[in-house]
Amino acid sequence: MNRFFDAVGEPIEKHGGEILKFIGDGLLAIFPMDRKEACMDLIAAVREGYQAASRLWLQDDHVRFGLGIHLGAVNYGNIGSRHRIDFTVIGSAVNRAFKLEALTKRLRRPALLSQEFVDTAGCHAQTERLGSHMVDGIATSIEVYALRLESPGSGATFG
């Protein structure tokens, strides 16, 4: 797992993101939206992380890449109980990103983006609209887009 975390974590930090925590076989990262380039930086980090993870797949077919991207307000800081505090982010935007990540398995796409992110980033040409989908815990359907990604060595494009 450390090799995977190194492979996908380095591009996140290189492009201005911050890894908040490692959760099981995944991670939670944020990209502060204080710069107008932040959305494009995030997309660059995803592309580089996907390329690095794909190279690991060539060595170990147990590596899977699934990513949910959403843009929205979060609450961040030291959150927890009086016995255990953790610096993290919480809120509906975080929940929506996790729901999109879970949807990657069903839709068999490595990186899914919300309508809000795609509209803000202006990256429609880099995505494929997958339509509206219902996800657990959200009362209304959400518009989902797949980021077009190329797998190294295979020439295969996803999205």
Protein backbone atom coordinates (compact mmCIF):
# COMPACT_ATOMS: atom_id res chain seq x y z
CA MET A 1 0.00 0.00 0.00
CA ASN A 2 2.85 2.39 0.71
CA ARG A 3 3.99 2.18 -2.92
CA PHE A 4 0.46 3.03 -4.07
CA PHE A 5 0.17 5.93 -1.60
CA ASP A 6 3.54 7.27 -2.78
CA ALA A 7 2.50 6.93 -6.42
CA VAL A 8 -0.76 8.84 -6.08
CA GLY A 9 0.25 11.10 -3.20
CA GLU A 10 3.23 12.75 -4.84
CA PRO A 11 1.20 14.35 -7.68
CA ILE A 12 -1.41 15.58 -5.18
CA GLU A 13 1.20 17.47 -3.17
CA LYS A 14 3.10 18.60 -6.29
CA HIS A 15 -0.05 20.28 -7.63
CA GLY A 16 -1.05 22.06 -4.41
CA GLY A 17 -3.30 19.48 -2.79
CA GLU A 18 -3.05 18.22 0.76
CA ILE A 19 -3.46 14.64 1.89
CA LEU A 20 -5.47 14.71 5.09
CA LYS A 21 -5.57 11.02 5.92
CA PHE A 22 -5.17 7.48 4.74
CA ILE A 23 -8.34 5.42 5.16
CA GLY A 24 -8.03 1.67 4.60
CA ASP A 25 -6.74 1.32 1.06
CA GLY A 26 -7.68 4.89 0.13
CA LEU A 27 -6.91 8.47 1.02
CA LEU A 28 -8.69 11.76 1.57
CA ALA A 29 -7.14 14.81 -0.07
CA ILE A 30 -8.30 18.38 -0.54
CA PHE A 31 -7.37 21.12 -2.97
CA PRO A 32 -7.98 24.57 -1.48
CA MET A 33 -9.99 26.68 -3.92
CA ASP A 34 -8.16 29.93 -3.16
CA ARG A 35 -6.59 29.95 -6.64
CA LYS A 36 -8.49 29.88 -9.91
CA GLU A 37 -6.08 27.21 -11.23
CA ALA A 38 -6.95 24.80 -8.41
CA CYS A 39 -9.43 22.76 -10.51
CA MET A 40 -6.93 22.30 -13.32
CA ASP A 41 -4.20 21.47 -10.81
CA LEU A 42 -6.44 18.78 -9.36
CA ILE A 43 -7.05 17.30 -12.83
CA ALA A 44 -3.29 17.29 -13.51
CA ALA A 45 -2.70 15.49 -10.20
CA VAL A 46 -5.37 12.90 -11.05
CA ARG A 47 -3.84 12.24 -14.47
CA GLU A 48 -0.33 11.85 -13.02
CA GLY A 49 -1.58 9.71 -10.13
CA TYR A 50 -3.52 7.49 -12.51
CA GLN A 51 -0.45 7.03 -14.71
CA ALA A 52 1.65 6.11 -11.67
CA ALA A 53 -1.01 3.71 -10.33
CA SER A 54 -1.33 2.13 -13.78
CA ARG A 55 2.39 1.38 -13.79
CA LEU A 56 1.89 -0.42 -10.47
CA TRP A 57 -0.95 -2.44 -12.04
CA LEU A 58 1.55 -3.81 -14.52
CA GLN A 59 3.42 -5.26 -11.51
CA ASP A 60 0.45 -6.10 -9.27
CA ASP A 61 -3.06 -6.55 -10.64
CA HIS A 62 -4.61 -6.03 -7.18
CA VAL A 63 -4.12 -2.24 -7.41
CA ARG A 64 -7.37 -0.42 -8.22
CA PHE A 65 -7.87 3.28 -8.85
CA GLY A 66 -11.22 4.82 -7.93
CA LEU A 67 -11.65 8.52 -7.32
CA GLY A 68 -14.59 10.82 -6.59
CA ILE A 69 -14.23 14.56 -7.13
CA HIS A 70 -16.70 17.16 -5.92
CA LEU A 71 -16.47 20.86 -5.25
CA GLY A 72 -18.20 22.44 -2.30
CA ALA A 73 -17.90 24.01 1.11
CA VAL A 74 -16.50 21.92 3.95
CA ASN A 75 -15.96 22.33 7.66
CA TYR A 76 -12.37 21.65 8.59
CA GLY A 77 -10.37 21.59 11.73
CA ASN A 78 -9.88 19.44 14.78
CA ILE A 79 -13.01 17.33 14.96
CA GLY A 80 -13.87 14.43 17.23
CA SER A 81 -14.76 13.44 20.75
CA ARG A 82 -13.12 14.62 23.93
CA HIS A 83 -10.96 11.45 23.87
CA ARG A 84 -9.99 11.43 20.19
CA ILE A 85 -9.52 14.45 17.94
CA ASP A 86 -8.52 14.37 14.28
CA PHE A 87 -7.78 17.17 11.81
CA THR A 88 -10.18 16.51 8.95
CA VAL A 89 -12.93 17.87 6.73
CA ILE A 90 -16.62 17.07 7.07
CA GLY A 91 -19.81 18.08 5.32
CA SER A 92 -22.06 17.23 2.41
CA ALA A 93 -19.30 18.02 -0.12
CA VAL A 94 -17.05 15.37 1.46
CA ASN A 95 -19.92 12.88 1.53
CA ARG A 96 -20.67 13.51 -2.14
CA ALA A 97 -17.03 12.90 -3.10
CA PHE A 98 -17.10 9.59 -1.22
CA LYS A 99 -20.38 8.63 -2.93
CA LEU A 100 -18.80 9.34 -6.33
CA GLU A 101 -15.80 7.20 -5.41
CA ALA A 102 -18.12 4.33 -4.49
CA LEU A 103 -19.89 4.75 -7.84
CA THR A 104 -16.60 4.14 -9.72
CA LYS A 105 -16.98 0.43 -9.00
CA ARG A 106 -20.48 0.18 -10.48
CA LEU A 107 -19.77 2.41 -13.49
CA ARG A 108 -16.31 0.89 -14.03
CA ARG A 109 -14.67 4.28 -14.45
CA PRO A 110 -11.57 5.26 -12.48
CA ALA A 111 -12.38 8.95 -11.88
CA LEU A 112 -15.86 10.43 -11.49
CA LEU A 113 -16.62 14.12 -11.18
CA SER A 114 -19.69 16.04 -10.07
CA GLN A 115 -21.55 18.55 -12.23
CA GLU A 116 -20.45 21.32 -9.83
CA PHE A 117 -16.79 20.52 -10.32
CA VAL A 118 -17.03 20.17 -14.11
CA ASP A 119 -18.91 23.47 -14.45
CA THR A 120 -16.46 25.34 -12.19
CA ALA A 121 -13.39 23.84 -13.85
CA GLY A 122 -14.79 24.32 -17.35
CA CYS A 123 -13.39 20.91 -18.25
CA HIS A 124 -16.35 19.51 -20.22
CA ALA A 125 -14.08 18.58 -23.17
CA GLN A 126 -11.98 16.38 -20.85
CA THR A 127 -14.97 14.44 -19.56
CA GLU A 128 -17.76 12.16 -20.65
CA ARG A 129 -21.23 12.82 -19.25
CA LEU A 130 -22.59 9.61 -17.71
CA GLY A 131 -26.02 10.99 -16.82
CA SER A 132 -27.94 11.13 -13.57
CA HIS A 133 -27.39 8.47 -10.93
CA MET A 134 -28.95 7.71 -7.58
CA VAL A 135 -26.54 7.02 -4.74
CA ASP A 136 -27.17 5.85 -1.20
CA GLY A 137 -27.72 8.65 1.28
CA ILE A 138 -28.62 11.36 -1.26
CA ALA A 139 -32.33 11.93 -1.92
CA THR A 140 -31.95 13.25 -5.47
CA SER A 141 -29.97 11.95 -8.41
CA ILE A 142 -26.60 13.51 -9.17
CA GLU A 143 -25.09 14.32 -12.56
CA VAL A 144 -21.93 12.31 -13.05
CA TYR A 145 -19.01 12.82 -15.42
CA ALA A 146 -16.04 10.54 -16.09
CA LEU A 147 -12.62 12.12 -16.53
CA ARG A 148 -10.94 10.87 -19.71
CA LEU A 149 -7.77 9.03 -18.64
CA GLU A 150 -5.23 7.10 -20.66
CA SER A 151 -3.64 3.93 -19.33
CA PRO A 152 0.13 3.85 -19.99
CA GLY A 153 1.47 1.16 -22.25
CA SER A 154 -1.95 -0.08 -23.33
CA GLY A 155 -3.20 2.88 -25.30
CA ALA A 156 -6.54 2.28 -23.57
CA THR A 157 -8.54 5.36 -22.74
CA PHE A 158 -11.12 5.40 -19.96
CA GLY A 159 -13.94 7.91 -19.85
